[in-house]
Amino acid sequence: MPHFHIEYSGNLEEWVDMAGLCEAIRAEAAAIETFPMPGIRVRATRVDHYAIADGDPKHGFVDISVRLRGGRPQEVRDEAISRIFHAARTFLDPAMAQHSIALSAEMRDIDPELSPKYGTIRDHLEDT
């Protein structure tokens, strides 16, 4: 873990490279020492039905949900969400300068005893 789920308003696809945003978040997460690289997952889901502010369809949003296996100290979590938010904001700044976009993020812990994991990604990573 961590898992990043980006929900975004469908109108943003005209202005934002969502695959690029996923990669920007993945790269920043991989640079955070306490995040095991093989456990990083970033995905984006387009939302076609939404209503924002005054209802004008020109408004858009990006909401980043970070699920993190519990047990990390508060200062580690504080730094991590700050870095992820900064990476997303830096990536989105050009679009936000031209368009009405709301950016938000939330990090929450997952109880490790209630979240079993199994995978073979580590078995298939190239040694670097």
Protein backbone atom coordinates (compact mmCIF):
# COMPACT_ATOMS: atom_id res chain seq x y z
CA MET A 1 0.00 0.00 0.00
CA PRO A 2 -0.68 2.95 -0.53
CA HIS A 3 -3.58 3.04 -2.94
CA PHE A 4 -4.55 6.28 -4.67
CA HIS A 5 -7.97 6.69 -6.21
CA ILE A 6 -8.55 9.80 -8.27
CA GLU A 7 -12.13 10.75 -9.07
CA TYR A 8 -12.48 13.52 -11.61
CA SER A 9 -15.24 15.27 -13.47
CA GLY A 10 -15.49 14.09 -17.06
CA ASN A 11 -15.17 17.60 -18.47
CA LEU A 12 -11.51 17.67 -17.39
CA GLU A 13 -10.42 15.20 -20.05
CA GLU A 14 -10.32 18.11 -22.50
CA TRP A 15 -7.77 19.95 -20.35
CA VAL A 16 -5.93 17.39 -18.18
CA ASP A 17 -3.82 14.35 -19.09
CA MET A 18 -5.21 11.95 -16.48
CA ALA A 19 -2.64 9.24 -17.24
CA GLY A 20 0.02 11.89 -16.67
CA LEU A 21 -1.57 12.84 -13.35
CA CYS A 22 -1.57 9.18 -12.30
CA GLU A 23 2.12 8.93 -13.18
CA ALA A 24 2.98 12.17 -11.34
CA ILE A 25 1.32 10.80 -8.19
CA ARG A 26 2.94 7.37 -8.61
CA ALA A 27 6.39 8.92 -9.05
CA GLU A 28 6.01 11.13 -5.96
CA ALA A 29 4.68 8.21 -3.90
CA ALA A 30 7.63 6.06 -4.99
CA ALA A 31 9.99 8.77 -3.73
CA ILE A 32 8.47 8.64 -0.24
CA GLU A 33 10.70 6.35 1.78
CA THR A 34 7.96 4.76 3.90
CA PHE A 35 5.87 3.73 0.87
CA PRO A 36 6.90 0.34 -0.51
CA MET A 37 7.13 0.79 -4.28
CA PRO A 38 5.59 -2.61 -5.17
CA GLY A 39 2.47 -1.71 -3.18
CA ILE A 40 1.73 1.60 -4.92
CA ARG A 41 -1.52 1.65 -6.92
CA VAL A 42 -2.85 4.73 -8.68
CA ARG A 43 -6.12 4.71 -10.59
CA ALA A 44 -8.45 7.34 -11.94
CA THR A 45 -12.20 7.13 -12.40
CA ARG A 46 -14.11 9.53 -14.62
CA VAL A 47 -17.35 10.82 -13.14
CA ASP A 48 -19.94 11.83 -15.73
CA HIS A 49 -22.76 12.85 -13.42
CA TYR A 50 -21.96 15.63 -10.96
CA ALA A 51 -23.09 19.08 -9.86
CA ILE A 52 -20.66 21.71 -8.62
CA ALA A 53 -21.08 25.14 -7.00
CA ASP A 54 -23.64 27.14 -9.00
CA GLY A 55 -24.35 24.24 -11.37
CA ASP A 56 -22.40 25.70 -14.29
CA PRO A 57 -20.94 22.76 -16.27
CA LYS A 58 -17.67 24.66 -16.75
CA HIS A 59 -16.60 23.71 -13.20
CA GLY A 60 -14.58 20.56 -12.67
CA PHE A 61 -13.02 18.62 -9.82
CA VAL A 62 -10.21 16.25 -8.94
CA ASP A 63 -10.54 14.38 -5.66
CA ILE A 64 -7.67 12.16 -4.51
CA SER A 65 -8.37 9.49 -1.93
CA VAL A 66 -5.32 7.86 -0.35
CA ARG A 67 -5.78 4.59 1.51
CA LEU A 68 -2.79 3.72 3.64
CA ARG A 69 -2.13 0.66 5.77
CA GLY A 70 -2.34 1.78 9.39
CA GLY A 71 0.55 2.10 11.78
CA ARG A 72 2.59 4.96 10.33
CA PRO A 73 3.36 7.90 12.63
CA GLN A 74 1.35 11.11 12.20
CA GLU A 75 4.36 13.09 10.96
CA VAL A 76 4.98 10.52 8.20
CA ARG A 77 1.34 10.74 7.11
CA ASP A 78 1.42 14.56 7.26
CA GLU A 79 4.50 14.72 5.04
CA ALA A 80 3.14 12.12 2.63
CA ILE A 81 -0.23 13.82 2.01
CA SER A 82 1.52 17.17 1.68
CA ARG A 83 3.90 15.79 -0.96
CA ILE A 84 1.17 14.00 -2.89
CA PHE A 85 -1.08 17.07 -2.85
CA HIS A 86 1.82 19.28 -3.97
CA ALA A 87 2.64 16.90 -6.84
CA ALA A 88 -1.00 16.90 -7.98
CA ARG A 89 -1.30 20.65 -7.66
CA THR A 90 1.92 21.25 -9.58
CA PHE A 91 0.70 18.94 -12.36
CA LEU A 92 -2.74 20.59 -12.45
CA ASP A 93 -1.61 24.22 -12.09
CA PRO A 94 -1.57 24.96 -15.85
CA ALA A 95 -5.15 23.69 -16.27
CA MET A 96 -6.30 25.38 -13.06
CA ALA A 97 -4.93 28.71 -14.31
CA GLN A 98 -7.31 28.49 -17.28
CA HIS A 99 -10.31 26.57 -15.92
CA SER A 100 -12.53 26.34 -12.83
CA ILE A 101 -11.22 23.23 -11.03
CA ALA A 102 -11.49 22.14 -7.40
CA LEU A 103 -8.68 19.92 -6.10
CA SER A 104 -8.99 17.95 -2.86
CA ALA A 105 -7.25 15.04 -1.18
CA GLU A 106 -7.86 12.85 1.84
CA MET A 107 -5.68 10.21 3.46
CA ARG A 108 -7.13 7.52 5.68
CA ASP A 109 -5.71 4.53 7.44
CA ILE A 110 -6.82 0.99 6.81
CA ASP A 111 -6.81 -1.55 9.62
CA PRO A 112 -4.16 -4.07 8.49
CA GLU A 113 -5.93 -6.92 10.25
CA LEU A 114 -9.06 -6.31 8.16
CA SER A 115 -7.25 -5.88 4.85
CA PRO A 116 -5.59 -9.09 3.64
CA LYS A 117 -3.17 -8.78 0.72
CA TYR A 118 -1.64 -11.22 -1.74
CA GLY A 119 0.15 -10.61 -5.01
CA THR A 120 3.06 -11.58 -7.22
CA ILE A 121 4.24 -8.14 -8.35
CA ARG A 122 7.43 -8.37 -6.28
CA ASP A 123 8.23 -11.69 -8.00
CA HIS A 124 8.13 -9.96 -11.39
CA LEU A 125 9.98 -6.71 -10.70
CA GLU A 126 13.27 -6.19 -12.48
CA ASP A 127 16.20 -5.80 -10.11
CA THR A 128 17.48 -2.25 -10.31
